[in-house]
Amino acid sequence: MVYYDRFRSKTEDQQIIDELEKLAEAYPTYGFKKMFYLLRAKGYLWNHKRVYGE
């Protein structure tokens, strides 16, 4: 059996990038882990591997 990744459009990736940029401006001293938990608190259910990869 062969596994293929689902194609992600640029708009899906851009939403993650935009949210991370907003958080980075608001919290410049926060690292990835704290920003990831802030995204979770806002209701985004993105996987940590997906967020870190952007």
PDB file of N, CA and C in Angstrom:
ATOM      1  N   MET A   1       0.848  -1.174   0.000  1.00  0.00           N
ATOM      2  CA  MET A   1       0.000   0.000   0.000  1.00  0.00           C
ATOM      3  C   MET A   1       0.893   1.236   0.000  1.00  0.00           C
ATOM      4  N   VAL A   2       0.501   2.210  -0.770  1.00  0.00           N
ATOM      5  CA  VAL A   2       1.266   3.447  -0.887  1.00  0.00           C
ATOM      6  C   VAL A   2       0.463   4.577  -0.261  1.00  0.00           C
ATOM      7  N   TYR A   3       1.147   5.400   0.509  1.00  0.00           N
ATOM      8  CA  TYR A   3       0.490   6.518   1.177  1.00  0.00           C
ATOM      9  C   TYR A   3       0.869   7.811   0.473  1.00  0.00           C
ATOM     10  N   TYR A   4      -0.123   8.620   0.162  1.00  0.00           N
ATOM     11  CA  TYR A   4       0.106   9.916  -0.458  1.00  0.00           C
ATOM     12  C   TYR A   4      -0.423  11.012   0.455  1.00  0.00           C
ATOM     13  N   ASP A   5       0.360  12.079   0.622  1.00  0.00           N
ATOM     14  CA  ASP A   5      -0.107  13.219   1.409  1.00  0.00           C
ATOM     15  C   ASP A   5      -1.230  13.928   0.676  1.00  0.00           C
ATOM     16  N   ARG A   6      -2.174  14.433   1.439  1.00  0.00           N
ATOM     17  CA  ARG A   6      -3.252  15.224   0.875  1.00  0.00           C
ATOM     18  C   ARG A   6      -2.679  16.579   0.464  1.00  0.00           C
ATOM     19  N   PHE A   7      -3.061  17.051  -0.695  1.00  0.00           N
ATOM     20  CA  PHE A   7      -2.576  18.337  -1.168  1.00  0.00           C
ATOM     21  C   PHE A   7      -3.143  19.456  -0.304  1.00  0.00           C
ATOM     22  N   ARG A   8      -2.275  20.345   0.165  1.00  0.00           N
ATOM     23  CA  ARG A   8      -2.710  21.517   0.936  1.00  0.00           C
ATOM     24  C   ARG A   8      -2.539  22.742   0.072  1.00  0.00           C
ATOM     25  N   SER A   9      -3.592  23.517  -0.015  1.00  0.00           N
ATOM     26  CA  SER A   9      -3.512  24.726  -0.827  1.00  0.00           C
ATOM     27  C   SER A   9      -2.718  25.805  -0.094  1.00  0.00           C
ATOM     28  N   LYS A  10      -2.268  26.775  -0.832  1.00  0.00           N
ATOM     29  CA  LYS A  10      -1.506  27.880  -0.236  1.00  0.00           C
ATOM     30  C   LYS A  10      -2.364  28.679   0.732  1.00  0.00           C
ATOM     31  N   THR A  11      -3.686  28.731   0.511  1.00  0.00           N
ATOM     32  CA  THR A  11      -4.544  29.495   1.420  1.00  0.00           C
ATOM     33  C   THR A  11      -4.594  28.850   2.796  1.00  0.00           C
ATOM     34  N   GLU A  12      -4.553  27.508   2.865  1.00  0.00           N
ATOM     35  CA  GLU A  12      -4.534  26.831   4.162  1.00  0.00           C
ATOM     36  C   GLU A  12      -3.239  27.156   4.904  1.00  0.00           C
ATOM     37  N   ASP A  13      -2.128  27.087   4.191  1.00  0.00           N
ATOM     38  CA  ASP A  13      -0.841  27.399   4.800  1.00  0.00           C
ATOM     39  C   ASP A  13      -0.760  28.870   5.193  1.00  0.00           C
ATOM     40  N   GLN A  14      -1.314  29.726   4.368  1.00  0.00           N
ATOM     41  CA  GLN A  14      -1.237  31.165   4.621  1.00  0.00           C
ATOM     42  C   GLN A  14      -1.982  31.538   5.897  1.00  0.00           C
ATOM     43  N   GLN A  15      -3.068  30.843   6.197  1.00  0.00           N
ATOM     44  CA  GLN A  15      -3.815  31.124   7.425  1.00  0.00           C
ATOM     45  C   GLN A  15      -2.947  30.842   8.658  1.00  0.00           C
ATOM     46  N   ILE A  16      -2.209  29.755   8.626  1.00  0.00           N
ATOM     47  CA  ILE A  16      -1.316  29.417   9.740  1.00  0.00           C
ATOM     48  C   ILE A  16      -0.221  30.479   9.869  1.00  0.00           C
ATOM     49  N   ILE A  17       0.368  30.854   8.747  1.00  0.00           N
ATOM     50  CA  ILE A  17       1.443  31.848   8.744  1.00  0.00           C
ATOM     51  C   ILE A  17       0.943  33.176   9.280  1.00  0.00           C
ATOM     52  N   ASP A  18      -0.248  33.596   8.847  1.00  0.00           N
ATOM     53  CA  ASP A  18      -0.812  34.871   9.316  1.00  0.00           C
ATOM     54  C   ASP A  18      -1.040  34.865  10.820  1.00  0.00           C
ATOM     55  N   GLU A  19      -1.593  33.770  11.328  1.00  0.00           N
ATOM     56  CA  GLU A  19      -1.842  33.680  12.772  1.00  0.00           C
ATOM     57  C   GLU A  19      -0.539  33.698  13.570  1.00  0.00           C
ATOM     58  N   LEU A  20       0.479  32.985  13.087  1.00  0.00           N
ATOM     59  CA  LEU A  20       1.767  32.977  13.786  1.00  0.00           C
ATOM     60  C   LEU A  20       2.422  34.352  13.770  1.00  0.00           C
ATOM     61  N   GLU A  21       2.291  35.077  12.661  1.00  0.00           N
ATOM     62  CA  GLU A  21       2.865  36.426  12.592  1.00  0.00           C
ATOM     63  C   GLU A  21       2.179  37.373  13.563  1.00  0.00           C
ATOM     64  N   LYS A  22       0.851  37.255  13.693  1.00  0.00           N
ATOM     65  CA  LYS A  22       0.118  38.094  14.657  1.00  0.00           C
ATOM     66  C   LYS A  22       0.593  37.811  16.090  1.00  0.00           C
ATOM     67  N   LEU A  23       0.733  36.521  16.404  1.00  0.00           N
ATOM     68  CA  LEU A  23       1.188  36.158  17.744  1.00  0.00           C
ATOM     69  C   LEU A  23       2.626  36.598  17.989  1.00  0.00           C
ATOM     70  N   ALA A  24       3.472  36.505  16.985  1.00  0.00           N
ATOM     71  CA  ALA A  24       4.867  36.906  17.137  1.00  0.00           C
ATOM     72  C   ALA A  24       4.983  38.404  17.394  1.00  0.00           C
ATOM     73  N   GLU A  25       4.100  39.194  16.792  1.00  0.00           N
ATOM     74  CA  GLU A  25       4.105  40.640  17.046  1.00  0.00           C
ATOM     75  C   GLU A  25       3.609  40.940  18.451  1.00  0.00           C
ATOM     76  N   ALA A  26       2.590  40.227  18.891  1.00  0.00           N
ATOM     77  CA  ALA A  26       2.013  40.466  20.210  1.00  0.00           C
ATOM     78  C   ALA A  26       2.889  39.924  21.336  1.00  0.00           C
ATOM     79  N   TYR A  27       3.559  38.810  21.085  1.00  0.00           N
ATOM     80  CA  TYR A  27       4.380  38.145  22.102  1.00  0.00           C
ATOM     81  C   TYR A  27       5.769  37.833  21.529  1.00  0.00           C
ATOM     82  N   PRO A  28       6.625  38.824  21.394  1.00  0.00           N
ATOM     83  CA  PRO A  28       7.923  38.602  20.733  1.00  0.00           C
ATOM     84  C   PRO A  28       8.875  37.681  21.490  1.00  0.00           C
ATOM     85  N   THR A  29       8.671  37.483  22.775  1.00  0.00           N
ATOM     86  CA  THR A  29       9.586  36.633  23.540  1.00  0.00           C
ATOM     87  C   THR A  29       9.114  35.181  23.636  1.00  0.00           C
ATOM     88  N   TYR A  30       7.920  34.895  23.124  1.00  0.00           N
ATOM     89  CA  TYR A  30       7.379  33.541  23.204  1.00  0.00           C
ATOM     90  C   TYR A  30       8.032  32.641  22.166  1.00  0.00           C
ATOM     91  N   GLY A  31       8.234  31.398  22.531  1.00  0.00           N
ATOM     92  CA  GLY A  31       8.756  30.399  21.606  1.00  0.00           C
ATOM     93  C   GLY A  31       7.622  29.645  20.930  1.00  0.00           C
ATOM     94  N   PHE A  32       8.019  28.629  20.178  1.00  0.00           N
ATOM     95  CA  PHE A  32       7.028  27.866  19.420  1.00  0.00           C
ATOM     96  C   PHE A  32       5.972  27.218  20.311  1.00  0.00           C
ATOM     97  N   LYS A  33       6.407  26.621  21.399  1.00  0.00           N
ATOM     98  CA  LYS A  33       5.477  25.881  22.246  1.00  0.00           C
ATOM     99  C   LYS A  33       4.381  26.777  22.814  1.00  0.00           C
ATOM    100  N   LYS A  34       4.763  27.945  23.312  1.00  0.00           N
ATOM    101  CA  LYS A  34       3.761  28.858  23.863  1.00  0.00           C
ATOM    102  C   LYS A  34       2.835  29.378  22.772  1.00  0.00           C
ATOM    103  N   MET A  35       3.393  29.668  21.598  1.00  0.00           N
ATOM    104  CA  MET A  35       2.548  30.146  20.495  1.00  0.00           C
ATOM    105  C   MET A  35       1.590  29.051  20.032  1.00  0.00           C
ATOM    106  N   PHE A  36       2.068  27.816  20.006  1.00  0.00           N
ATOM    107  CA  PHE A  36       1.208  26.714  19.613  1.00  0.00           C
ATOM    108  C   PHE A  36       0.035  26.584  20.579  1.00  0.00           C
ATOM    109  N   TYR A  37       0.302  26.699  21.877  1.00  0.00           N
ATOM    110  CA  TYR A  37      -0.784  26.606  22.856  1.00  0.00           C
ATOM    111  C   TYR A  37      -1.728  27.804  22.774  1.00  0.00           C
ATOM    112  N   LEU A  38      -1.221  28.966  22.399  1.00  0.00           N
ATOM    113  CA  LEU A  38      -2.101  30.115  22.178  1.00  0.00           C
ATOM    114  C   LEU A  38      -3.024  29.867  20.981  1.00  0.00           C
ATOM    115  N   LEU A  39      -2.499  29.261  19.938  1.00  0.00           N
ATOM    116  CA  LEU A  39      -3.340  28.914  18.790  1.00  0.00           C
ATOM    117  C   LEU A  39      -4.422  27.925  19.203  1.00  0.00           C
ATOM    118  N   ARG A  40      -4.050  26.952  20.022  1.00  0.00           N
ATOM    119  CA  ARG A  40      -5.030  25.983  20.512  1.00  0.00           C
ATOM    120  C   ARG A  40      -6.104  26.678  21.356  1.00  0.00           C
ATOM    121  N   ALA A  41      -5.700  27.643  22.176  1.00  0.00           N
ATOM    122  CA  ALA A  41      -6.650  28.367  23.018  1.00  0.00           C
ATOM    123  C   ALA A  41      -7.623  29.182  22.171  1.00  0.00           C
ATOM    124  N   LYS A  42      -7.165  29.622  20.995  1.00  0.00           N
ATOM    125  CA  LYS A  42      -8.046  30.366  20.083  1.00  0.00           C
ATOM    126  C   LYS A  42      -9.019  29.447  19.347  1.00  0.00           C
ATOM    127  N   GLY A  43      -8.819  28.135  19.453  1.00  0.00           N
ATOM    128  CA  GLY A  43      -9.746  27.193  18.839  1.00  0.00           C
ATOM    129  C   GLY A  43      -9.242  26.523  17.576  1.00  0.00           C
ATOM    130  N   TYR A  44      -8.003  26.793  17.178  1.00  0.00           N
ATOM    131  CA  TYR A  44      -7.447  26.135  16.006  1.00  0.00           C
ATOM    132  C   TYR A  44      -6.976  24.737  16.398  1.00  0.00           C
ATOM    133  N   LEU A  45      -7.300  23.761  15.587  1.00  0.00           N
ATOM    134  CA  LEU A  45      -6.972  22.377  15.909  1.00  0.00           C
ATOM    135  C   LEU A  45      -5.845  21.839  15.032  1.00  0.00           C
ATOM    136  N   TRP A  46      -4.965  22.710  14.590  1.00  0.00           N
ATOM    137  CA  TRP A  46      -3.858  22.278  13.750  1.00  0.00           C
ATOM    138  C   TRP A  46      -2.892  21.414  14.552  1.00  0.00           C
ATOM    139  N   ASN A  47      -2.330  20.438  13.889  1.00  0.00           N
ATOM    140  CA  ASN A  47      -1.335  19.551  14.461  1.00  0.00           C
ATOM    141  C   ASN A  47      -0.024  20.320  14.662  1.00  0.00           C
ATOM    142  N   HIS A  48       0.742  20.001  15.702  1.00  0.00           N
ATOM    143  CA  HIS A  48       1.990  20.723  15.961  1.00  0.00           C
ATOM    144  C   HIS A  48       2.989  20.550  14.822  1.00  0.00           C
ATOM    145  N   LYS A  49       2.972  19.396  14.149  1.00  0.00           N
ATOM    146  CA  LYS A  49       3.888  19.172  13.040  1.00  0.00           C
ATOM    147  C   LYS A  49       3.547  20.071  11.858  1.00  0.00           C
ATOM    148  N   ARG A  50       2.267  20.327  11.668  1.00  0.00           N
ATOM    149  CA  ARG A  50       1.855  21.198  10.571  1.00  0.00           C
ATOM    150  C   ARG A  50       2.211  22.645  10.865  1.00  0.00           C
ATOM    151  N   VAL A  51       2.004  23.072  12.085  1.00  0.00           N
ATOM    152  CA  VAL A  51       2.308  24.459  12.454  1.00  0.00           C
ATOM    153  C   VAL A  51       3.806  24.702  12.408  1.00  0.00           C
ATOM    154  N   TYR A  52       4.587  23.763  12.924  1.00  0.00           N
ATOM    155  CA  TYR A  52       6.044  23.936  12.950  1.00  0.00           C
ATOM    156  C   TYR A  52       6.632  23.924  11.542  1.00  0.00           C
ATOM    157  N   GLY A  53       6.010  23.202  10.649  1.00  0.00           N
ATOM    158  CA  GLY A  53       6.506  23.097   9.277  1.00  0.00           C
ATOM    159  C   GLY A  53       6.280  24.345   8.460  1.00  0.00           C
ATOM    160  N   GLU A  54       5.442  25.233   8.927  1.00  0.00           N
ATOM    161  CA  GLU A  54       5.158  26.443   8.152  1.00  0.00           C
ATOM    162  C   GLU A  54       6.138  27.465   8.525  1.00  0.00           C
TER     163      GLU A  54
END
